Amino acid sequence: MAILVNERTRVLVQGITGREGRARARLMREYGTQVIAGCTPGRGGEEVDGGPVYDTVGEAVEAHGHFDASVVYVPAPLVKDAAL
């Protein structure tokens, strides 16, 4: 099964406040991807490049509705929890 991302895909970036998350979100936006929001526990209420940051995925969904895709840029020990 292929996952296709286009200019209409609504993306959530988990770990957007970290070095890699911030850099990749910026590149995605420059390419034309709709990065709607990001989430990082404990960093809710901040902004990254003008986009809102939430503490949880649930808060982001509550504020923005559905997302078509989520990308995860978190430290390796936290990946399982972020994915679930």
C-alpha atoms as a PDB file:
ATOM      1  CA  MET A   1       0.000   0.000   0.000  1.00  0.00           C
ATOM      2  CA  ALA A   2       1.410   3.353  -1.018  1.00  0.00           C
ATOM      3  CA  ILE A   3       0.964   6.463   1.065  1.00  0.00           C
ATOM      4  CA  LEU A   4       0.604   9.505  -1.130  1.00  0.00           C
ATOM      5  CA  VAL A   5       1.082  13.010   0.153  1.00  0.00           C
ATOM      6  CA  ASN A   6       0.016  15.986  -1.897  1.00  0.00           C
ATOM      7  CA  GLU A   7      -0.828  19.657  -1.408  1.00  0.00           C
ATOM      8  CA  ARG A   8      -4.152  18.740   0.255  1.00  0.00           C
ATOM      9  CA  THR A   9      -2.679  16.377   2.861  1.00  0.00           C
ATOM     10  CA  ARG A  10      -3.075  17.762   6.379  1.00  0.00           C
ATOM     11  CA  VAL A  11       0.014  16.884   8.428  1.00  0.00           C
ATOM     12  CA  LEU A  12       0.725  16.857  12.161  1.00  0.00           C
ATOM     13  CA  VAL A  13       4.384  16.853  13.228  1.00  0.00           C
ATOM     14  CA  GLN A  14       5.065  15.068  16.507  1.00  0.00           C
ATOM     15  CA  GLY A  15       8.236  16.426  18.098  1.00  0.00           C
ATOM     16  CA  ILE A  16       8.071  19.688  16.142  1.00  0.00           C
ATOM     17  CA  THR A  17       9.973  21.654  18.807  1.00  0.00           C
ATOM     18  CA  GLY A  18      13.096  19.499  18.520  1.00  0.00           C
ATOM     19  CA  ARG A  19      15.981  20.121  16.140  1.00  0.00           C
ATOM     20  CA  GLU A  20      14.950  17.512  13.564  1.00  0.00           C
ATOM     21  CA  GLY A  21      11.211  18.127  13.840  1.00  0.00           C
ATOM     22  CA  ARG A  22      11.610  21.864  13.385  1.00  0.00           C
ATOM     23  CA  ALA A  23      13.976  21.487  10.418  1.00  0.00           C
ATOM     24  CA  ARG A  24      11.847  18.862   8.638  1.00  0.00           C
ATOM     25  CA  ALA A  25       8.599  20.786   9.229  1.00  0.00           C
ATOM     26  CA  ARG A  26      10.203  23.849   7.663  1.00  0.00           C
ATOM     27  CA  LEU A  27      11.316  21.816   4.642  1.00  0.00           C
ATOM     28  CA  MET A  28       7.859  20.277   4.283  1.00  0.00           C
ATOM     29  CA  ARG A  29       6.250  23.724   4.334  1.00  0.00           C
ATOM     30  CA  GLU A  30       8.716  25.030   1.762  1.00  0.00           C
ATOM     31  CA  TYR A  31       7.807  22.101  -0.477  1.00  0.00           C
ATOM     32  CA  GLY A  32       4.112  22.968  -0.155  1.00  0.00           C
ATOM     33  CA  THR A  33       2.914  20.440   2.416  1.00  0.00           C
ATOM     34  CA  GLN A  34       0.152  21.639   4.735  1.00  0.00           C
ATOM     35  CA  VAL A  35       1.809  21.330   8.129  1.00  0.00           C
ATOM     36  CA  ILE A  36      -1.210  22.250  10.214  1.00  0.00           C
ATOM     37  CA  ALA A  37       0.229  21.874  13.717  1.00  0.00           C
ATOM     38  CA  GLY A  38       2.756  20.091  15.878  1.00  0.00           C
ATOM     39  CA  CYS A  39       2.810  18.509  19.286  1.00  0.00           C
ATOM     40  CA  THR A  40       5.423  18.074  21.967  1.00  0.00           C
ATOM     41  CA  PRO A  41       4.474  17.191  25.556  1.00  0.00           C
ATOM     42  CA  GLY A  42       5.049  20.143  27.855  1.00  0.00           C
ATOM     43  CA  ARG A  43       5.423  22.642  25.007  1.00  0.00           C
ATOM     44  CA  GLY A  44       1.756  23.338  24.270  1.00  0.00           C
ATOM     45  CA  GLY A  45       0.928  26.970  23.585  1.00  0.00           C
ATOM     46  CA  GLU A  46       4.177  27.674  21.766  1.00  0.00           C
ATOM     47  CA  GLU A  47       4.550  28.310  18.043  1.00  0.00           C
ATOM     48  CA  VAL A  48       7.080  26.942  15.560  1.00  0.00           C
ATOM     49  CA  ASP A  49       7.426  28.969  12.367  1.00  0.00           C
ATOM     50  CA  GLY A  50       3.957  30.399  12.941  1.00  0.00           C
ATOM     51  CA  GLY A  51       2.271  27.031  13.516  1.00  0.00           C
ATOM     52  CA  PRO A  52       0.681  26.087  16.839  1.00  0.00           C
ATOM     53  CA  VAL A  53       2.160  23.484  19.169  1.00  0.00           C
ATOM     54  CA  TYR A  54       0.012  21.274  21.406  1.00  0.00           C
ATOM     55  CA  ASP A  55       0.887  18.999  24.306  1.00  0.00           C
ATOM     56  CA  THR A  56      -0.888  15.976  22.796  1.00  0.00           C
ATOM     57  CA  VAL A  57      -2.174  14.668  19.483  1.00  0.00           C
ATOM     58  CA  GLY A  58      -5.666  14.681  20.991  1.00  0.00           C
ATOM     59  CA  GLU A  59      -5.478  18.415  21.687  1.00  0.00           C
ATOM     60  CA  ALA A  60      -4.325  19.077  18.116  1.00  0.00           C
ATOM     61  CA  VAL A  61      -7.191  17.006  16.698  1.00  0.00           C
ATOM     62  CA  GLU A  62      -9.675  18.769  18.956  1.00  0.00           C
ATOM     63  CA  ALA A  63      -8.444  22.167  17.734  1.00  0.00           C
ATOM     64  CA  HIS A  64      -8.026  21.388  14.014  1.00  0.00           C
ATOM     65  CA  GLY A  65     -10.153  18.385  13.186  1.00  0.00           C
ATOM     66  CA  HIS A  66      -8.713  15.398  11.365  1.00  0.00           C
ATOM     67  CA  PHE A  67      -5.170  15.002  10.075  1.00  0.00           C
ATOM     68  CA  ASP A  68      -4.361  12.847   7.067  1.00  0.00           C
ATOM     69  CA  ALA A  69      -0.838  12.069   8.211  1.00  0.00           C
ATOM     70  CA  SER A  70       1.392  12.349  11.236  1.00  0.00           C
ATOM     71  CA  VAL A  71       5.164  12.315  11.143  1.00  0.00           C
ATOM     72  CA  VAL A  72       7.197  11.441  14.217  1.00  0.00           C
ATOM     73  CA  TYR A  73      10.488  13.152  15.078  1.00  0.00           C
ATOM     74  CA  VAL A  74      11.059  12.072  18.662  1.00  0.00           C
ATOM     75  CA  PRO A  75      13.982  10.406  20.453  1.00  0.00           C
ATOM     76  CA  ALA A  76      14.148   6.648  19.851  1.00  0.00           C
ATOM     77  CA  PRO A  77      12.984   5.561  23.328  1.00  0.00           C
ATOM     78  CA  LEU A  78       9.756   7.584  22.851  1.00  0.00           C
ATOM     79  CA  VAL A  79       8.797   6.429  19.350  1.00  0.00           C
ATOM     80  CA  LYS A  80       6.492   3.613  20.444  1.00  0.00           C
ATOM     81  CA  ASP A  81       4.433   5.888  22.697  1.00  0.00           C
ATOM     82  CA  ALA A  82       4.286   8.593  20.029  1.00  0.00           C
ATOM     83  CA  ALA A  83       3.101   6.138  17.396  1.00  0.00           C
ATOM     84  CA  LEU A  84       0.449   4.625  19.634  1.00  0.00           C
END
